[in-house]
Protein backbone atom coordinates (compact mmCIF):
# COMPACT_ATOMS: atom_id res chain seq x y z
CA UNK A 1 -84.61 -20.91 -63.99
CA UNK A 2 -81.19 -21.59 -62.50
CA UNK A 3 -79.89 -25.11 -63.02
CA UNK A 4 -78.44 -27.02 -60.10
CA UNK A 5 -74.70 -27.67 -60.43
CA UNK A 6 -74.00 -31.33 -60.99
CA UNK A 7 -70.83 -33.30 -60.39
CA UNK A 8 -72.47 -36.25 -62.13
CA UNK A 9 -72.86 -34.12 -65.27
CA UNK A 10 -69.13 -33.34 -65.13
CA UNK A 11 -68.34 -37.04 -64.68
CA UNK A 12 -70.55 -37.77 -67.68
CA UNK A 13 -68.61 -35.31 -69.82
CA UNK A 14 -65.35 -36.97 -68.74
CA UNK A 15 -66.67 -40.46 -69.54
CA UNK A 16 -64.74 -40.30 -72.82
CA UNK A 17 -61.60 -40.91 -70.77
CA UNK A 18 -62.99 -43.69 -68.57
CA UNK A 19 -61.95 -47.31 -69.14
CA UNK A 20 -65.63 -48.25 -68.76
CA UNK A 21 -66.25 -46.50 -72.08
CA UNK A 22 -66.58 -48.68 -75.19
CA UNK A 23 -63.30 -50.12 -76.42
CA UNK A 24 -61.72 -47.91 -79.03
CA UNK A 25 -58.01 -48.63 -79.43
CA UNK A 26 -57.33 -45.44 -81.37
CA UNK A 27 -58.99 -43.28 -78.70
CA UNK A 28 -57.30 -45.21 -75.88
CA UNK A 29 -53.91 -44.79 -77.56
CA UNK A 30 -54.44 -41.06 -78.05
CA UNK A 31 -55.46 -40.58 -74.42
CA UNK A 32 -52.53 -42.55 -73.03
CA UNK A 33 -50.05 -40.75 -75.34
CA UNK A 34 -50.75 -37.36 -73.75
CA UNK A 35 -49.31 -36.06 -70.51
CA UNK A 36 -52.49 -34.59 -69.07
CA UNK A 37 -50.46 -32.66 -66.49
CA UNK A 38 -49.01 -30.50 -69.27
CA UNK A 39 -51.64 -27.94 -70.21
CA UNK A 40 -50.83 -27.90 -73.94
CA UNK A 41 -51.21 -31.66 -74.21
CA UNK A 42 -54.41 -31.60 -72.17
CA UNK A 43 -55.82 -28.93 -74.50
CA UNK A 44 -54.94 -31.08 -77.52
CA UNK A 45 -56.79 -33.99 -75.92
CA UNK A 46 -59.85 -31.90 -75.09
CA UNK A 47 -59.91 -30.41 -78.58
CA UNK A 48 -59.75 -33.85 -80.18
CA UNK A 49 -62.11 -35.81 -77.92
CA UNK A 50 -64.18 -33.54 -75.70
CA UNK A 51 -65.06 -30.83 -78.22
CA UNK A 52 -67.12 -33.02 -80.60
CA UNK A 53 -69.00 -34.60 -77.71
CA UNK A 54 -69.63 -31.24 -76.02
CA UNK A 55 -70.92 -29.72 -79.25
CA UNK A 56 -73.35 -32.62 -79.68
CA UNK A 57 -75.23 -31.42 -76.58
CA UNK A 58 -77.97 -28.79 -76.65
CA UNK A 59 -77.09 -25.22 -75.65
CA UNK A 60 -78.79 -25.61 -72.22
CA UNK A 61 -76.83 -28.82 -71.60
CA UNK A 62 -73.59 -27.09 -72.61
CA UNK A 63 -74.40 -24.24 -70.23
CA UNK A 64 -75.03 -26.73 -67.42
CA UNK A 65 -71.55 -28.25 -67.85
CA UNK A 66 -69.96 -24.80 -67.78
CA UNK A 67 -72.02 -23.59 -64.81
CA UNK A 68 -71.33 -26.79 -62.87
CA UNK A 69 -67.57 -26.51 -63.29
CA UNK A 70 -67.68 -22.79 -62.44
CA UNK A 71 -69.70 -23.56 -59.30
CA UNK A 72 -67.32 -26.24 -58.02
CA UNK A 73 -64.27 -24.09 -58.78
CA UNK A 74 -65.85 -21.15 -56.94
CA UNK A 75 -66.53 -23.32 -53.88
CA UNK A 76 -62.92 -24.59 -53.87
CA UNK A 77 -64.03 -28.16 -54.51
CA UNK A 78 -61.14 -30.54 -55.20
CA UNK A 79 -63.16 -32.56 -57.75
CA UNK A 80 -62.44 -35.84 -55.98
CA UNK A 81 -66.09 -36.75 -56.56
CA UNK A 82 -65.38 -36.73 -60.30
CA UNK A 83 -61.89 -38.20 -60.39
CA UNK A 84 -61.98 -40.79 -57.61
CA UNK A 85 -64.93 -42.62 -59.13
CA UNK A 86 -63.39 -43.30 -62.52
CA UNK A 87 -60.44 -45.21 -63.86
CA UNK A 88 -58.98 -43.54 -66.92
CA UNK A 89 -56.66 -44.19 -69.81
CA UNK A 90 -54.44 -41.33 -68.61
CA UNK A 91 -50.84 -42.49 -68.43
CA UNK A 92 -50.40 -40.76 -65.06
CA UNK A 93 -52.68 -39.43 -62.33
CA UNK A 94 -53.99 -35.89 -62.55
CA UNK A 95 -51.64 -33.96 -60.25
CA UNK A 96 -53.81 -30.83 -59.98
CA UNK A 97 -57.48 -31.64 -60.44
CA UNK A 98 -58.55 -27.99 -60.13
CA UNK A 99 -56.11 -26.92 -62.86
CA UNK A 100 -57.42 -29.77 -65.04
CA UNK A 101 -60.97 -28.49 -64.53
CA UNK A 102 -59.98 -24.84 -65.15
CA UNK A 103 -58.46 -25.92 -68.46
CA UNK A 104 -61.58 -27.92 -69.29
CA UNK A 105 -63.76 -24.93 -68.41
CA UNK A 106 -61.72 -22.60 -70.63
CA UNK A 107 -62.01 -25.01 -73.55
CA UNK A 108 -65.76 -25.54 -73.07
CA UNK A 109 -66.30 -21.79 -73.05
CA UNK A 110 -64.30 -21.46 -76.23
CA UNK A 111 -66.20 -24.28 -77.94
CA UNK A 112 -69.51 -22.76 -76.87
CA UNK A 113 -68.63 -19.29 -78.11
CA UNK A 114 -67.46 -20.44 -81.53
CA UNK A 115 -70.54 -22.54 -82.34
């Protein structure tokens, strides 16, 4: 059965970076120290913070994240529904939300294939 793509699932995966998340000074400092508009720094951040959370989900849940991002990229969505509803610890705004999500998608696929 095909799962319905979900922007709320994507927002949930990005909750790590939201200021509404539980206070964790070390995590907040790490997030704010990275320039998320530089792909290498964004990858470092995903590898440190998103990977462990992603791998804690079941395989079907992991697949839903990947399929949701693929769906919204394929439909040329700008991901405002994910980014405009959260305040983050990022030190600057995401300048290219689609590139951010493509990088996230690439990392999620890598995490999924290695575990």
